[in-house]
Amino acid sequence: MKVELVTNLKRQATKILADLHLSKEPILITEHGQPSAYLIDVQDYEFMQRRLELLEGLSRGERAVLEGRTYSQGEAREKMSKWLK
């Protein structure tokens, strides 16, 4: 992973962004020698957000199963029958 000082980002933002778009490699931005932020490509960020949403949905489903908040296929069909006509 590439590391850049925040001052370099301020001075060379256009070049750093161009490199980011070409390499697709996240850049760790540091301030005073400490990690401050990650700079990532927009497409990569959106992909990670979609993946997170899917994982959260799976987690909710697993929780529902563990808590017994599920229906059998017959029960679900019966409950949904008024909408499935």
Protein backbone atom coordinates (compact mmCIF):
# COMPACT_ATOMS: atom_id res chain seq x y z
CA MET A 1 0.00 0.00 0.00
CA LYS A 2 1.22 3.44 -0.89
CA VAL A 3 1.67 5.99 1.92
CA GLU A 4 1.54 9.76 1.41
CA LEU A 5 1.97 12.68 3.75
CA VAL A 6 -1.02 14.98 3.98
CA THR A 7 1.24 17.84 2.87
CA ASN A 8 2.12 15.92 -0.32
CA LEU A 9 -1.59 15.39 -0.92
CA LYS A 10 -2.16 19.13 -0.61
CA ARG A 11 0.68 19.95 -3.00
CA GLN A 12 0.25 17.14 -5.53
CA ALA A 13 -3.42 16.19 -5.36
CA THR A 14 -3.86 15.96 -9.12
CA LYS A 15 -0.86 13.66 -9.58
CA ILE A 16 -1.76 11.49 -6.58
CA LEU A 17 -5.33 11.11 -7.82
CA ALA A 18 -4.11 10.23 -11.32
CA ASP A 19 -1.82 7.56 -9.85
CA LEU A 20 -4.70 6.24 -7.74
CA HIS A 21 -6.96 5.90 -10.78
CA LEU A 22 -4.26 4.02 -12.67
CA SER A 23 -3.08 1.69 -9.92
CA LYS A 24 -6.40 1.26 -8.04
CA GLU A 25 -4.21 0.81 -4.95
CA PRO A 26 -5.47 2.53 -1.77
CA ILE A 27 -3.27 5.28 -0.36
CA LEU A 28 -2.76 5.75 3.36
CA ILE A 29 -2.62 9.46 4.23
CA THR A 30 -0.56 10.32 7.29
CA GLU A 31 -0.47 13.42 9.47
CA HIS A 32 2.41 13.99 11.88
CA GLY A 33 3.58 10.43 11.22
CA GLN A 34 0.23 8.90 12.19
CA PRO A 35 -2.35 7.25 9.92
CA SER A 36 -5.13 9.74 9.22
CA ALA A 37 -7.23 8.49 6.28
CA TYR A 38 -7.37 6.16 3.32
CA LEU A 39 -7.77 7.46 -0.19
CA ILE A 40 -9.47 4.92 -2.44
CA ASP A 41 -10.93 4.85 -5.93
CA VAL A 42 -14.67 5.63 -6.16
CA GLN A 43 -15.49 2.32 -7.86
CA ASP A 44 -13.63 0.38 -5.16
CA TYR A 45 -15.46 2.31 -2.44
CA GLU A 46 -18.86 1.64 -4.02
CA PHE A 47 -17.98 -2.05 -4.43
CA MET A 48 -17.03 -2.26 -0.74
CA GLN A 49 -20.29 -0.54 0.26
CA ARG A 50 -22.36 -3.05 -1.75
CA ARG A 51 -20.41 -5.92 -0.22
CA LEU A 52 -21.01 -4.52 3.26
CA GLU A 53 -24.75 -4.25 2.59
CA LEU A 54 -24.82 -7.90 1.50
CA LEU A 55 -22.93 -8.99 4.59
CA GLU A 56 -25.26 -7.01 6.83
CA GLY A 57 -28.25 -8.70 5.17
CA LEU A 58 -26.72 -12.12 5.74
CA SER A 59 -26.04 -11.22 9.34
CA ARG A 60 -29.68 -10.14 9.87
CA GLY A 61 -30.83 -13.41 8.33
CA GLU A 62 -28.58 -15.50 10.55
CA ARG A 63 -29.79 -13.57 13.59
CA ALA A 64 -33.41 -14.19 12.59
CA VAL A 65 -32.74 -17.93 12.31
CA LEU A 66 -31.02 -18.03 15.70
CA GLU A 67 -33.87 -16.10 17.31
CA GLY A 68 -36.52 -18.31 15.68
CA ARG A 69 -38.00 -15.46 13.63
CA THR A 70 -38.46 -17.54 10.48
CA TYR A 71 -41.34 -19.22 8.69
CA SER A 72 -41.61 -22.50 6.88
CA GLN A 73 -42.35 -22.30 3.16
CA GLY A 74 -46.02 -23.14 3.81
CA GLU A 75 -46.34 -20.50 6.53
CA ALA A 76 -44.68 -17.90 4.32
CA ARG A 77 -46.91 -18.76 1.38
CA GLU A 78 -50.00 -18.47 3.59
CA LYS A 79 -48.92 -15.08 4.97
CA MET A 80 -48.03 -13.77 1.49
CA SER A 81 -51.07 -15.20 -0.30
CA LYS A 82 -53.00 -11.93 -0.17
CA TRP A 83 -50.12 -10.15 -1.99
CA LEU A 84 -49.45 -12.96 -4.47
CA LYS A 85 -52.88 -13.03 -6.10
